[in-house]
Amino acid sequence: MAHTETRAGKSASKTQLFGSRLKCAATIIAALQQWRQTVARRTALADLTPDQLRDIGHPQVNRPVLLIKAGLITNLMSMR
């Protein structure tokens, strides 16, 4: 079996590889910074009272609300 050896001349592959690593690192750093800002914003909003949230113009938190009207059981029983 013959043995062949190939040598490539100077190529820009190392430069491209280094550049892509820098882009990847920059993307990761930007994502981490954005995540930290989001977490800080959420914790700051969680500490505010509903009155303070209204003062800054932040919409109210959509929380599930159970509304039971008077006479509901009577209406349901009459539908049976």
N, C-alpha and C. Protein backbone atom coordinates (compact mmCIF):
# COMPACT_ATOMS: atom_id res chain seq x y z
N MET A 1 0.85 -1.16 0.00
CA MET A 1 0.00 0.00 0.00
C MET A 1 0.90 1.23 0.00
N ALA A 2 0.57 2.16 -0.85
CA ALA A 2 1.38 3.36 -1.00
C ALA A 2 1.01 4.37 0.07
N HIS A 3 1.99 5.11 0.49
CA HIS A 3 1.77 6.15 1.50
C HIS A 3 1.94 7.50 0.84
N THR A 4 0.91 8.32 0.97
CA THR A 4 1.01 9.65 0.37
C THR A 4 0.94 10.69 1.47
N GLU A 5 1.61 11.76 1.24
CA GLU A 5 1.62 12.85 2.21
C GLU A 5 1.29 14.14 1.48
N THR A 6 0.33 14.85 2.03
CA THR A 6 -0.09 16.09 1.39
C THR A 6 0.22 17.24 2.31
N ARG A 7 0.82 18.26 1.76
CA ARG A 7 1.11 19.46 2.53
C ARG A 7 0.42 20.63 1.86
N ALA A 8 -0.29 21.34 2.67
CA ALA A 8 -0.96 22.52 2.12
C ALA A 8 -0.08 23.72 2.38
N GLY A 9 -0.16 24.66 1.48
CA GLY A 9 0.59 25.89 1.67
C GLY A 9 -0.07 26.73 2.76
N LYS A 10 0.41 27.92 2.94
CA LYS A 10 -0.19 28.78 3.95
C LYS A 10 -1.63 29.07 3.54
N SER A 11 -2.51 28.82 4.48
CA SER A 11 -3.92 29.09 4.18
C SER A 11 -4.50 29.97 5.28
N ALA A 12 -5.62 30.51 5.00
CA ALA A 12 -6.27 31.42 5.95
C ALA A 12 -7.18 30.66 6.91
N SER A 13 -7.07 29.32 6.93
CA SER A 13 -7.97 28.54 7.77
C SER A 13 -7.76 28.84 9.25
N LYS A 14 -6.51 29.05 9.67
CA LYS A 14 -6.27 29.37 11.07
C LYS A 14 -6.87 30.73 11.43
N THR A 15 -6.74 31.68 10.53
CA THR A 15 -7.30 33.00 10.77
C THR A 15 -8.82 32.93 10.81
N GLN A 16 -9.41 32.17 9.90
CA GLN A 16 -10.86 32.03 9.88
C GLN A 16 -11.34 31.32 11.13
N LEU A 17 -10.61 30.29 11.54
CA LEU A 17 -10.99 29.56 12.73
C LEU A 17 -10.92 30.46 13.96
N PHE A 18 -9.86 31.27 14.04
CA PHE A 18 -9.73 32.19 15.17
C PHE A 18 -10.83 33.23 15.15
N GLY A 19 -11.17 33.74 13.97
CA GLY A 19 -12.23 34.73 13.84
C GLY A 19 -13.59 34.16 14.23
N SER A 20 -13.86 32.92 13.84
CA SER A 20 -15.15 32.32 14.18
C SER A 20 -15.23 32.06 15.68
N ARG A 21 -14.11 31.74 16.30
CA ARG A 21 -14.10 31.55 17.75
C ARG A 21 -14.38 32.87 18.47
N LEU A 22 -13.83 33.95 17.95
CA LEU A 22 -14.09 35.26 18.54
C LEU A 22 -15.56 35.64 18.41
N LYS A 23 -16.15 35.36 17.25
CA LYS A 23 -17.57 35.65 17.05
C LYS A 23 -18.42 34.83 18.00
N CYS A 24 -18.07 33.57 18.17
CA CYS A 24 -18.81 32.69 19.06
C CYS A 24 -18.71 33.17 20.51
N ALA A 25 -17.52 33.56 20.92
CA ALA A 25 -17.33 34.07 22.28
C ALA A 25 -18.09 35.37 22.49
N ALA A 26 -18.06 36.25 21.49
CA ALA A 26 -18.78 37.51 21.60
C ALA A 26 -20.28 37.27 21.69
N THR A 27 -20.80 36.30 20.96
CA THR A 27 -22.22 35.97 21.01
C THR A 27 -22.59 35.43 22.39
N ILE A 28 -21.77 34.58 22.94
CA ILE A 28 -22.03 34.01 24.27
C ILE A 28 -22.00 35.11 25.33
N ILE A 29 -21.04 36.00 25.24
CA ILE A 29 -20.93 37.09 26.22
C ILE A 29 -22.13 38.02 26.13
N ALA A 30 -22.56 38.34 24.91
CA ALA A 30 -23.73 39.20 24.73
C ALA A 30 -24.99 38.54 25.28
N ALA A 31 -25.14 37.24 25.05
CA ALA A 31 -26.30 36.51 25.56
C ALA A 31 -26.30 36.48 27.09
N LEU A 32 -25.14 36.29 27.70
CA LEU A 32 -25.05 36.29 29.16
C LEU A 32 -25.37 37.66 29.75
N GLN A 33 -24.88 38.71 29.11
CA GLN A 33 -25.18 40.06 29.59
C GLN A 33 -26.68 40.36 29.50
N GLN A 34 -27.29 39.95 28.40
CA GLN A 34 -28.73 40.18 28.24
C GLN A 34 -29.51 39.38 29.28
N TRP A 35 -29.08 38.16 29.54
CA TRP A 35 -29.74 37.33 30.55
C TRP A 35 -29.63 37.97 31.93
N ARG A 36 -28.44 38.50 32.27
CA ARG A 36 -28.26 39.15 33.57
C ARG A 36 -29.16 40.37 33.71
N GLN A 37 -29.28 41.16 32.63
CA GLN A 37 -30.15 42.33 32.67
C GLN A 37 -31.61 41.93 32.84
N THR A 38 -32.02 40.87 32.18
CA THR A 38 -33.39 40.39 32.29
C THR A 38 -33.69 39.92 33.71
N VAL A 39 -32.77 39.19 34.30
CA VAL A 39 -32.95 38.71 35.67
C VAL A 39 -33.01 39.89 36.64
N ALA A 40 -32.14 40.86 36.46
CA ALA A 40 -32.14 42.03 37.34
C ALA A 40 -33.44 42.81 37.21
N ARG A 41 -33.94 42.95 35.98
CA ARG A 41 -35.19 43.67 35.74
C ARG A 41 -36.36 42.94 36.40
N ARG A 42 -36.40 41.62 36.26
CA ARG A 42 -37.49 40.84 36.86
C ARG A 42 -37.47 40.90 38.38
N THR A 43 -36.29 40.83 38.97
CA THR A 43 -36.23 40.89 40.43
C THR A 43 -36.61 42.27 40.93
N ALA A 44 -36.23 43.31 40.19
CA ALA A 44 -36.61 44.67 40.59
C ALA A 44 -38.12 44.85 40.51
N LEU A 45 -38.75 44.33 39.46
CA LEU A 45 -40.19 44.44 39.33
C LEU A 45 -40.93 43.59 40.36
N ALA A 46 -40.34 42.47 40.74
CA ALA A 46 -40.98 41.59 41.73
C ALA A 46 -41.02 42.26 43.10
N ASP A 47 -40.07 43.15 43.37
CA ASP A 47 -40.02 43.81 44.67
C ASP A 47 -40.99 44.98 44.79
N LEU A 48 -41.55 45.43 43.66
CA LEU A 48 -42.44 46.59 43.70
C LEU A 48 -43.86 46.18 44.07
N THR A 49 -44.57 47.10 44.72
CA THR A 49 -45.96 46.87 45.08
C THR A 49 -46.84 47.16 43.86
N PRO A 50 -48.09 46.71 43.87
CA PRO A 50 -48.99 47.01 42.74
C PRO A 50 -49.16 48.51 42.50
N ASP A 51 -49.17 49.31 43.57
CA ASP A 51 -49.29 50.75 43.41
C ASP A 51 -48.06 51.33 42.70
N GLN A 52 -46.89 50.86 43.07
CA GLN A 52 -45.66 51.34 42.43
C GLN A 52 -45.61 50.92 40.96
N LEU A 53 -46.10 49.71 40.68
CA LEU A 53 -46.13 49.25 39.29
C LEU A 53 -47.06 50.13 38.45
N ARG A 54 -48.19 50.52 39.02
CA ARG A 54 -49.11 51.40 38.30
C ARG A 54 -48.47 52.78 38.08
N ASP A 55 -47.71 53.24 39.07
CA ASP A 55 -47.06 54.55 38.97
C ASP A 55 -46.05 54.60 37.80
N ILE A 56 -45.33 53.52 37.58
CA ILE A 56 -44.34 53.51 36.51
C ILE A 56 -44.95 53.11 35.17
N GLY A 57 -46.24 52.80 35.17
CA GLY A 57 -46.91 52.46 33.93
C GLY A 57 -46.72 51.03 33.48
N HIS A 58 -46.33 50.18 34.39
CA HIS A 58 -46.14 48.78 34.05
C HIS A 58 -47.49 48.07 34.10
N PRO A 59 -47.82 47.27 33.10
CA PRO A 59 -49.11 46.59 33.13
C PRO A 59 -49.19 45.61 34.29
N GLN A 60 -50.39 45.39 34.74
CA GLN A 60 -50.57 44.49 35.87
C GLN A 60 -50.23 43.07 35.46
N VAL A 61 -49.80 42.32 36.43
CA VAL A 61 -49.41 40.95 36.18
C VAL A 61 -50.67 40.13 35.91
N ASN A 62 -50.62 39.33 34.86
CA ASN A 62 -51.76 38.47 34.55
C ASN A 62 -51.70 37.23 35.44
N ARG A 63 -52.47 37.28 36.48
CA ARG A 63 -52.54 36.14 37.38
C ARG A 63 -53.90 35.50 37.22
N PRO A 64 -53.97 34.20 37.36
CA PRO A 64 -55.28 33.55 37.24
C PRO A 64 -56.20 33.99 38.37
N VAL A 65 -57.42 34.31 37.99
CA VAL A 65 -58.39 34.78 38.97
C VAL A 65 -59.62 33.90 38.87
N LEU A 66 -60.11 33.46 39.99
CA LEU A 66 -61.31 32.63 40.03
C LEU A 66 -62.46 33.49 40.52
N LEU A 67 -63.40 33.76 39.62
CA LEU A 67 -64.56 34.56 39.97
C LEU A 67 -65.76 33.64 40.12
N ILE A 68 -66.37 33.67 41.29
CA ILE A 68 -67.57 32.88 41.53
C ILE A 68 -68.68 33.84 41.87
N LYS A 69 -69.69 33.87 41.03
CA LYS A 69 -70.81 34.78 41.25
C LYS A 69 -71.78 34.15 42.24
N ALA A 70 -72.48 35.02 42.95
CA ALA A 70 -73.48 34.54 43.89
C ALA A 70 -74.58 33.82 43.12
N GLY A 71 -75.01 32.69 43.63
CA GLY A 71 -76.08 31.93 43.00
C GLY A 71 -75.60 31.00 41.90
N LEU A 72 -74.29 30.80 41.76
CA LEU A 72 -73.78 29.95 40.71
C LEU A 72 -74.22 28.51 40.90
N ILE A 73 -74.13 28.02 42.12
CA ILE A 73 -74.52 26.64 42.39
C ILE A 73 -76.01 26.45 42.09
N THR A 74 -76.81 27.44 42.45
CA THR A 74 -78.25 27.34 42.18
C THR A 74 -78.51 27.25 40.69
N ASN A 75 -77.81 28.07 39.90
CA ASN A 75 -77.96 28.01 38.44
C ASN A 75 -77.52 26.67 37.87
N LEU A 76 -76.41 26.17 38.37
CA LEU A 76 -75.91 24.89 37.88
C LEU A 76 -76.86 23.76 38.23
N MET A 77 -77.41 23.82 39.43
CA MET A 77 -78.32 22.75 39.86
C MET A 77 -79.62 22.82 39.05
N SER A 78 -80.06 24.02 38.69
CA SER A 78 -81.30 24.15 37.93
C SER A 78 -81.12 23.67 36.48
N MET A 79 -79.88 23.69 35.97
CA MET A 79 -79.61 23.22 34.61
C MET A 79 -79.60 21.70 34.53
N ARG A 80 -79.48 21.04 35.66
CA ARG A 80 -79.45 19.59 35.68
C ARG A 80 -80.73 19.08 35.20
